Amino acid sequence: MKNVSRRGFVEQLGLGFGATMLLPSFVWYPKSKTPLYAGKKLRVAVCGLGRYANLVREGLAASQYCELAGIVTGTPAKATQWKTDYQLPAKNVYSYQNFDTILANKSIDLVYITLPNALHKEFTLRAAKAGKHVIVEKPMALTEQDCQDMVEACKKHSVQLAVGYRLHYEPHHIELKRLGQEKVLGQVRLIEASLGYRLEGISPDDWHLKKALAGGGPLMNLGVYCVQSSRYVLGEEPIAVTAQYGPVTMPNLFKEVEESISWQLYFPSGAVCTSTTSSNSNIDRFFAAADNGSFELSPALSYGPFKGKSSQGAFNFPTINQQAAQLDGIAPYILENKPLPAHISGEEGRKDLRVLDGIYKAANTGQKVTLV
């Protein structure tokens, strides 16, 4: 990978788009075809209009089952721009202060939260209390307990809670899961999954560098992808972890959060996953060694375009709009009032934070930490 800024990193989104039929397996179709679904759409308000919100907006534009219906922002200029550009009615434009009045708005079904990590819990609780379904970006919150509180609040108010696991709907990653969980090449023994990029041109005031808002450094914002990939490829939960912080090479930026961190996850089958996430190195790869072969992706955990192969040959899957595929994987369940699948639920997000909490504890203590 060449050096990229954070903006460049999140803008590496493939062309085309993906979708699912109502409650089926993954389906991809080109943009030129007639849409497959013409029924009631899930009306979505995007909460937090930072960089990632633009990718969500593009996903909504390509989605079969969702549409952009409203926004929540603390920046009046953004509110005006989005309202004008996407012809949003004034009643569907909210500030953080008046957000709770969304309770009375029957033209919004779901709130998609793309705020800084520390605000995920607050706005999930507020959205749930207002009777709105929620999709919250990763990491789900700052701690496992925060995640549990979010899950319980959504249950209390009878709304669904999903976490933005876009790669669960991406065909290369669906293949990784198949190869691993179905033991196509035998038992997976070793996984290497790493994701990082060298920060360039970022302001020292960026929220990703503030522990109170981000909860941590690249582990929180990128490492969660590495943890996810090992968990879904093995179909197991890690039982222990060791971890080590990397050196600080940019002390002007990394005063509050780690610059890089490496860890090793140990699984019940005996498999081990080694990972590094970093803000001073460009890396984006996944490799799994099994008893009878191996499989890999590189790029692997960002936005691609992904390139993969196994001992059986090269992968041959289309490039998709990952956000559209994710939205169209979630929306049919909500539209039909059916429970979301476990792999993208709030409970899945809680499991990730349990592992992230353990990684930090292991790095801070230098000890092997048991994950209960």
Protein backbone atom coordinates (compact mmCIF):
# COMPACT_ATOMS: atom_id res chain seq x y z
CA MET A 1 0.00 0.00 0.00
CA LYS A 2 1.18 3.50 -0.68
CA ASN A 3 1.13 6.12 2.07
CA VAL A 4 -2.39 7.41 2.57
CA SER A 5 -4.10 9.88 4.83
CA ARG A 6 -7.03 8.75 6.98
CA ARG A 7 -9.37 10.41 4.47
CA GLY A 8 -7.70 8.55 1.62
CA PHE A 9 -7.93 5.30 3.55
CA VAL A 10 -11.67 5.51 4.14
CA GLU A 11 -12.29 6.69 0.59
CA GLN A 12 -10.76 3.54 -0.92
CA LEU A 13 -14.23 2.25 -1.72
CA GLY A 14 -14.82 -0.06 -4.68
CA LEU A 15 -17.17 0.70 -7.55
CA GLY A 16 -20.45 -1.11 -8.08
CA PHE A 17 -22.78 -2.24 -5.32
CA GLY A 18 -24.15 -5.29 -3.64
CA ALA A 19 -27.49 -6.26 -2.15
CA THR A 20 -29.43 -9.16 -0.79
CA MET A 21 -32.89 -10.30 -1.69
CA LEU A 22 -35.40 -10.30 1.17
CA LEU A 23 -33.80 -12.52 3.84
CA PRO A 24 -31.63 -14.67 1.52
CA SER A 25 -27.91 -15.21 1.08
CA PHE A 26 -25.63 -12.65 -0.57
CA VAL A 27 -26.55 -11.47 -4.07
CA TRP A 28 -24.61 -9.04 -6.27
CA TYR A 29 -25.95 -7.26 -9.31
CA PRO A 30 -24.60 -4.47 -11.55
CA LYS A 31 -25.84 -0.93 -11.31
CA SER A 32 -27.43 -1.05 -14.76
CA LYS A 33 -30.00 -3.70 -13.86
CA THR A 34 -33.54 -2.94 -12.77
CA PRO A 35 -33.77 -2.91 -8.97
CA LEU A 36 -34.94 -6.21 -7.53
CA TYR A 37 -36.98 -4.73 -4.71
CA ALA A 38 -39.66 -2.08 -4.96
CA GLY A 39 -41.45 -2.37 -1.61
CA LYS A 40 -41.37 -0.25 1.54
CA LYS A 41 -37.89 1.08 2.32
CA LEU A 42 -36.23 1.47 5.69
CA ARG A 43 -35.93 5.21 6.35
CA VAL A 44 -32.55 6.03 7.85
CA ALA A 45 -31.25 9.09 9.70
CA VAL A 46 -27.44 9.38 9.75
CA CYS A 47 -26.19 10.58 13.13
CA GLY A 48 -22.80 12.30 12.86
CA LEU A 49 -21.76 13.77 9.51
CA GLY A 50 -18.02 13.13 9.61
CA ARG A 51 -15.96 11.36 6.97
CA TYR A 52 -17.53 7.94 7.35
CA ALA A 53 -21.02 9.36 6.97
CA ASN A 54 -20.21 10.09 3.34
CA LEU A 55 -19.58 6.39 2.71
CA VAL A 56 -22.83 5.51 4.45
CA ARG A 57 -24.62 8.07 2.29
CA GLU A 58 -23.21 6.43 -0.85
CA GLY A 59 -24.34 3.06 0.47
CA LEU A 60 -27.83 4.41 1.08
CA ALA A 61 -27.96 5.76 -2.46
CA ALA A 62 -27.11 2.29 -3.84
CA SER A 63 -29.28 0.36 -1.38
CA GLN A 64 -32.36 -1.57 -2.44
CA TYR A 65 -34.01 -1.53 0.96
CA CYS A 66 -32.93 1.73 2.60
CA GLU A 67 -33.09 5.43 1.92
CA LEU A 68 -31.61 8.54 3.50
CA ALA A 69 -34.47 10.17 5.38
CA GLY A 70 -32.79 12.44 7.92
CA ILE A 71 -29.60 13.66 9.58
CA VAL A 72 -28.29 14.50 13.04
CA THR A 73 -25.35 16.90 13.29
CA GLY A 74 -23.79 19.49 15.53
CA THR A 75 -22.59 21.60 12.60
CA PRO A 76 -25.22 23.98 11.14
CA ALA A 77 -23.32 24.33 7.84
CA LYS A 78 -23.39 20.56 7.32
CA ALA A 79 -27.08 20.47 8.18
CA THR A 80 -27.79 23.09 5.53
CA GLN A 81 -25.62 21.38 2.91
CA TRP A 82 -27.05 17.88 3.39
CA LYS A 83 -30.61 19.21 3.61
CA THR A 84 -30.16 20.98 0.28
CA ASP A 85 -28.18 18.30 -1.51
CA TYR A 86 -30.51 15.44 -0.56
CA GLN A 87 -33.79 17.33 -0.41
CA LEU A 88 -34.45 16.46 3.22
CA PRO A 89 -37.50 17.99 4.91
CA ALA A 90 -36.68 20.41 7.71
CA LYS A 91 -38.51 18.22 10.24
CA ASN A 92 -35.97 15.43 9.58
CA VAL A 93 -32.90 17.55 10.34
CA TYR A 94 -31.79 17.32 13.97
CA SER A 95 -29.07 18.72 16.20
CA TYR A 96 -27.56 16.74 19.06
CA GLN A 97 -29.51 18.93 21.47
CA ASN A 98 -32.99 18.31 19.99
CA PHE A 99 -32.33 14.73 18.89
CA ASP A 100 -34.75 13.25 21.44
CA THR A 101 -37.69 14.88 19.63
CA ILE A 102 -37.16 12.29 16.90
CA LEU A 103 -39.55 10.21 19.01
CA ALA A 104 -42.48 11.99 17.37
CA ASN A 105 -41.17 11.59 13.82
CA LYS A 106 -42.87 8.67 12.11
CA SER A 107 -40.94 9.19 8.88
CA ILE A 108 -37.66 7.88 10.36
CA ASP A 109 -37.29 4.19 11.24
CA LEU A 110 -33.62 3.79 12.09
CA VAL A 111 -30.65 5.86 13.26
CA TYR A 112 -27.22 5.01 11.84
CA ILE A 113 -24.61 6.23 14.34
CA THR A 114 -21.26 7.31 12.87
CA LEU A 115 -20.14 9.50 15.79
CA PRO A 116 -16.82 9.25 17.66
CA ASN A 117 -16.59 6.01 19.64
CA ALA A 118 -17.30 7.56 23.04
CA LEU A 119 -20.68 8.84 21.85
CA HIS A 120 -21.96 5.52 20.51
CA LYS A 121 -23.53 4.49 23.79
CA GLU A 122 -25.26 7.79 24.52
CA PHE A 123 -26.91 8.06 21.14
CA THR A 124 -27.83 4.39 20.99
CA LEU A 125 -29.64 4.78 24.32
CA ARG A 126 -31.35 7.96 23.15
CA ALA A 127 -32.38 6.43 19.83
CA ALA A 128 -33.73 3.32 21.54
CA LYS A 129 -35.73 5.43 24.00
CA ALA A 130 -37.19 7.26 20.98
CA GLY A 131 -38.30 3.93 19.51
CA LYS A 132 -35.82 3.91 16.62
CA HIS A 133 -33.82 0.93 15.45
CA VAL A 134 -30.05 1.42 15.50
CA ILE A 135 -26.98 0.60 13.46
CA VAL A 136 -23.84 1.67 15.28
CA GLU A 137 -20.36 1.71 13.80
CA LYS A 138 -17.43 -0.25 15.19
CA PRO A 139 -16.14 -0.37 17.81
CA MET A 140 -19.59 -0.61 19.31
CA ALA A 141 -18.56 1.36 22.43
CA LEU A 142 -15.59 1.92 24.73
CA THR A 143 -16.08 -1.04 27.05
CA GLU A 144 -17.85 -4.39 27.18
CA GLN A 145 -20.16 -3.06 29.89
CA ASP A 146 -21.16 -0.13 27.67
CA CYS A 147 -22.09 -2.63 24.96
CA GLN A 148 -24.16 -4.65 27.41
CA ASP A 149 -26.01 -1.51 28.47
CA MET A 150 -26.77 -0.73 24.82
CA VAL A 151 -28.07 -4.24 24.15
CA GLU A 152 -30.33 -4.10 27.21
CA ALA A 153 -31.69 -0.66 26.34
CA CYS A 154 -32.66 -1.75 22.85
CA LYS A 155 -34.38 -4.85 24.21
CA LYS A 156 -36.24 -2.73 26.77
CA HIS A 157 -37.59 -0.43 24.07
CA SER A 158 -38.26 -3.25 21.55
CA VAL A 159 -35.91 -1.97 18.84
CA GLN A 160 -33.22 -3.82 16.94
CA LEU A 161 -29.50 -3.10 17.37
CA ALA A 162 -26.95 -3.90 14.66
CA VAL A 163 -23.23 -3.19 14.42
CA GLY A 164 -21.73 -1.98 11.14
CA TYR A 165 -19.86 -5.12 10.12
CA ARG A 166 -19.65 -4.33 6.40
CA LEU A 167 -17.18 -7.16 5.71
CA HIS A 168 -19.71 -9.78 6.76
CA TYR A 169 -21.50 -9.03 3.48
CA GLU A 170 -18.40 -8.78 1.29
CA PRO A 171 -17.94 -11.88 -0.96
CA HIS A 172 -14.20 -12.35 -0.37
CA HIS A 173 -14.82 -12.41 3.38
CA ILE A 174 -17.78 -14.73 3.02
CA GLU A 175 -15.36 -17.09 1.27
CA LEU A 176 -12.79 -16.77 4.09
CA LYS A 177 -15.49 -17.73 6.56
CA ARG A 178 -16.54 -20.71 4.44
CA LEU A 179 -12.98 -21.98 4.06
CA GLY A 180 -12.29 -21.66 7.77
CA GLN A 181 -15.52 -22.71 9.44
CA GLU A 182 -16.21 -25.58 7.03
CA LYS A 183 -12.58 -26.73 7.29
CA VAL A 184 -12.33 -26.96 3.51
CA LEU A 185 -8.54 -27.23 3.82
CA GLY A 186 -8.61 -28.87 7.23
CA GLN A 187 -8.34 -27.27 10.65
CA VAL A 188 -6.95 -23.74 10.60
CA ARG A 189 -3.88 -23.61 12.84
CA LEU A 190 -2.48 -20.13 12.35
CA ILE A 191 -3.95 -16.79 11.30
CA GLU A 192 -2.07 -13.58 10.62
CA ALA A 193 -4.39 -10.57 10.32
CA SER A 194 -3.07 -7.02 10.39
CA LEU A 195 -4.32 -3.59 9.42
CA GLY A 196 -2.62 -0.23 9.65
CA TYR A 197 -1.76 2.91 7.77
CA ARG A 198 0.76 5.69 8.26
CA LEU A 199 -0.95 8.83 9.41
CA GLU A 200 -0.05 11.85 7.33
CA GLY A 201 -1.45 15.34 7.59
CA ILE A 202 -3.68 14.60 10.56
CA SER A 203 -4.32 17.33 13.12
CA PRO A 204 -3.16 16.69 16.69
CA ASP A 205 -6.72 17.66 17.64
CA ASP A 206 -8.32 14.85 15.60
CA TRP A 207 -10.69 12.88 17.84
CA HIS A 208 -8.97 9.59 16.96
CA LEU A 209 -5.97 10.79 18.98
CA LYS A 210 -8.04 11.65 22.08
CA LYS A 211 -8.54 8.79 24.51
CA ALA A 212 -11.73 10.27 25.92
CA LEU A 213 -13.38 10.19 22.48
CA ALA A 214 -11.69 7.24 20.78
CA GLY A 215 -11.10 4.97 23.76
CA GLY A 216 -7.69 4.07 22.35
CA GLY A 217 -5.60 4.29 19.22
CA PRO A 218 -5.49 2.03 16.17
CA LEU A 219 -6.60 -1.02 18.17
CA MET A 220 -10.04 0.52 18.65
CA ASN A 221 -10.46 1.87 15.15
CA LEU A 222 -8.63 -0.71 13.03
CA GLY A 223 -7.69 -3.63 15.23
CA VAL A 224 -11.33 -4.56 15.67
CA TYR A 225 -11.26 -5.75 12.03
CA CYS A 226 -8.39 -8.13 12.83
CA VAL A 227 -10.20 -9.50 15.88
CA GLN A 228 -13.37 -9.92 13.85
CA SER A 229 -11.65 -11.76 11.01
CA SER A 230 -10.08 -14.35 13.30
CA ARG A 231 -13.34 -14.93 15.17
CA TYR A 232 -15.50 -15.38 12.08
CA VAL A 233 -13.00 -17.49 10.14
CA LEU A 234 -12.51 -19.90 13.05
CA GLY A 235 -16.06 -19.76 14.38
CA GLU A 236 -14.58 -19.78 17.88
CA GLU A 237 -14.13 -17.36 20.75
CA PRO A 238 -10.55 -16.71 21.94
CA ILE A 239 -9.75 -17.97 25.43
CA ALA A 240 -6.57 -16.00 26.14
CA VAL A 241 -4.41 -13.16 24.79
CA THR A 242 -0.91 -11.73 25.04
CA ALA A 243 -0.06 -8.28 23.70
CA GLN A 244 2.75 -5.74 23.29
CA TYR A 245 2.75 -2.00 22.56
CA GLY A 246 4.98 -0.80 19.73
CA PRO A 247 7.35 2.18 19.95
CA VAL A 248 6.09 5.74 19.74
CA THR A 249 7.68 7.35 16.68
CA MET A 250 5.34 10.37 16.48
CA PRO A 251 5.19 11.70 20.06
CA ASN A 252 3.61 14.94 18.90
CA LEU A 253 0.50 12.96 17.93
CA PHE A 254 0.46 9.94 20.22
CA LYS A 255 0.31 11.48 23.66
CA GLU A 256 -2.90 9.80 24.81
CA VAL A 257 -3.38 6.64 22.73
CA GLU A 258 -1.12 3.90 21.40
CA GLU A 259 0.61 4.34 18.05
CA SER A 260 0.83 0.60 17.38
CA ILE A 261 0.10 -2.65 19.16
CA SER A 262 0.59 -6.37 18.46
CA TRP A 263 -1.25 -9.26 20.05
CA GLN A 264 -1.73 -13.00 19.96
CA LEU A 265 -5.15 -14.64 20.41
CA TYR A 266 -5.40 -18.27 21.56
CA PHE A 267 -8.45 -20.34 20.59
CA PRO A 268 -9.95 -23.56 22.01
CA SER A 269 -8.98 -25.57 18.91
CA GLY A 270 -5.34 -24.67 19.45
CA ALA A 271 -5.33 -22.09 16.65
CA VAL A 272 -3.38 -18.88 17.22
CA CYS A 273 -4.00 -15.52 15.57
CA THR A 274 -1.18 -12.97 15.51
CA SER A 275 -2.04 -9.38 14.63
CA THR A 276 -0.63 -5.89 14.47
CA THR A 277 -2.45 -2.62 14.04
CA SER A 278 -0.55 0.58 13.56
CA SER A 279 -0.68 4.26 12.73
CA ASN A 280 2.92 4.32 11.49
CA SER A 281 2.91 1.48 8.96
CA ASN A 282 0.79 0.60 5.95
CA ILE A 283 -0.35 -3.01 6.23
CA ASP A 284 -3.55 -4.70 5.12
CA ARG A 285 -3.39 -8.49 4.94
CA PHE A 286 -4.96 -11.74 6.10
CA PHE A 287 -3.33 -15.19 5.95
CA ALA A 288 -4.57 -18.52 7.33
CA ALA A 289 -2.59 -21.77 7.42
CA ALA A 290 -4.63 -24.99 7.68
CA ASP A 291 -3.69 -28.66 7.81
CA ASN A 292 -4.05 -29.12 4.06
CA GLY A 293 -3.32 -25.71 2.61
CA SER A 294 -3.73 -21.98 3.13
CA PHE A 295 -5.83 -19.00 2.06
CA GLU A 296 -5.20 -15.26 2.07
CA LEU A 297 -6.30 -11.75 1.11
CA SER A 298 -4.18 -8.68 0.43
CA PRO A 299 -5.58 -6.02 0.58
CA ALA A 300 -7.76 -7.72 3.15
CA LEU A 301 -9.51 -5.63 5.81
CA SER A 302 -9.90 -2.13 4.36
CA TYR A 303 -11.99 -1.27 1.30
CA GLY A 304 -10.02 -3.20 -1.30
CA PRO A 305 -10.20 -3.90 -4.09
CA PHE A 306 -9.54 -7.26 -2.46
CA LYS A 307 -7.32 -9.90 -3.98
CA GLY A 308 -7.39 -13.40 -2.57
CA LYS A 309 -6.40 -16.97 -3.19
CA SER A 310 -6.37 -20.36 -1.54
CA SER A 311 -4.55 -23.59 -2.23
CA GLN A 312 -7.49 -24.35 -4.55
CA GLY A 313 -6.91 -21.25 -6.69
CA ALA A 314 -7.52 -17.51 -6.96
CA PHE A 315 -10.74 -15.91 -5.71
CA ASN A 316 -12.97 -14.47 -8.41
CA PHE A 317 -15.54 -12.21 -6.81
CA PRO A 318 -16.93 -8.82 -7.84
CA THR A 319 -16.07 -5.52 -6.23
CA ILE A 320 -19.11 -4.21 -4.37
CA ASN A 321 -20.30 -1.21 -2.43
CA GLN A 322 -19.73 -2.63 1.04
CA GLN A 323 -22.07 -0.24 2.84
CA ALA A 324 -24.95 -0.99 0.44
CA ALA A 325 -24.44 -4.73 0.89
CA GLN A 326 -24.46 -4.31 4.66
CA LEU A 327 -27.57 -2.13 4.67
CA ASP A 328 -29.38 -4.56 2.40
CA GLY A 329 -28.37 -7.42 4.64
CA ILE A 330 -29.82 -5.73 7.72
CA ALA A 331 -32.92 -3.91 6.46
CA PRO A 332 -35.09 -6.88 5.40
CA TYR A 333 -35.06 -8.28 8.93
CA ILE A 334 -36.23 -4.98 10.37
CA LEU A 335 -38.82 -4.47 7.64
CA GLU A 336 -40.24 -7.94 8.31
CA ASN A 337 -39.94 -7.53 12.10
CA LYS A 338 -37.65 -10.55 12.41
CA PRO A 339 -34.66 -10.83 14.75
CA LEU A 340 -31.31 -9.83 13.29
CA PRO A 341 -28.77 -12.62 12.73
CA ALA A 342 -26.33 -12.98 15.60
CA HIS A 343 -23.24 -12.18 13.55
CA ILE A 344 -24.09 -8.48 13.17
CA SER A 345 -25.98 -7.98 16.44
CA GLY A 346 -25.13 -5.93 19.48
CA GLU A 347 -24.08 -9.14 21.19
CA GLU A 348 -21.40 -9.59 18.52
CA GLY A 349 -20.17 -6.08 19.21
CA ARG A 350 -19.99 -6.87 22.92
CA LYS A 351 -17.83 -9.92 22.21
CA ASP A 352 -15.39 -7.77 20.24
CA LEU A 353 -15.04 -5.29 23.12
CA ARG A 354 -14.40 -8.15 25.50
CA VAL A 355 -11.39 -9.08 23.36
CA LEU A 356 -10.21 -5.48 22.92
CA ASP A 357 -10.42 -4.94 26.69
CA GLY A 358 -8.29 -8.08 27.13
CA ILE A 359 -5.69 -6.93 24.60
CA TYR A 360 -5.20 -3.63 26.41
CA LYS A 361 -4.98 -5.41 29.77
CA ALA A 362 -2.36 -7.83 28.41
CA ALA A 363 -0.30 -4.99 26.90
CA ASN A 364 -0.51 -2.93 30.09
CA THR A 365 0.48 -5.77 32.41
CA GLY A 366 2.80 -7.83 30.22
CA GLN A 367 0.82 -10.90 31.32
CA LYS A 368 -1.20 -13.50 29.45
CA VAL A 369 -4.83 -12.61 30.05
CA THR A 370 -7.60 -15.19 30.23
CA LEU A 371 -10.73 -14.15 28.36
CA VAL A 372 -13.70 -15.39 30.38
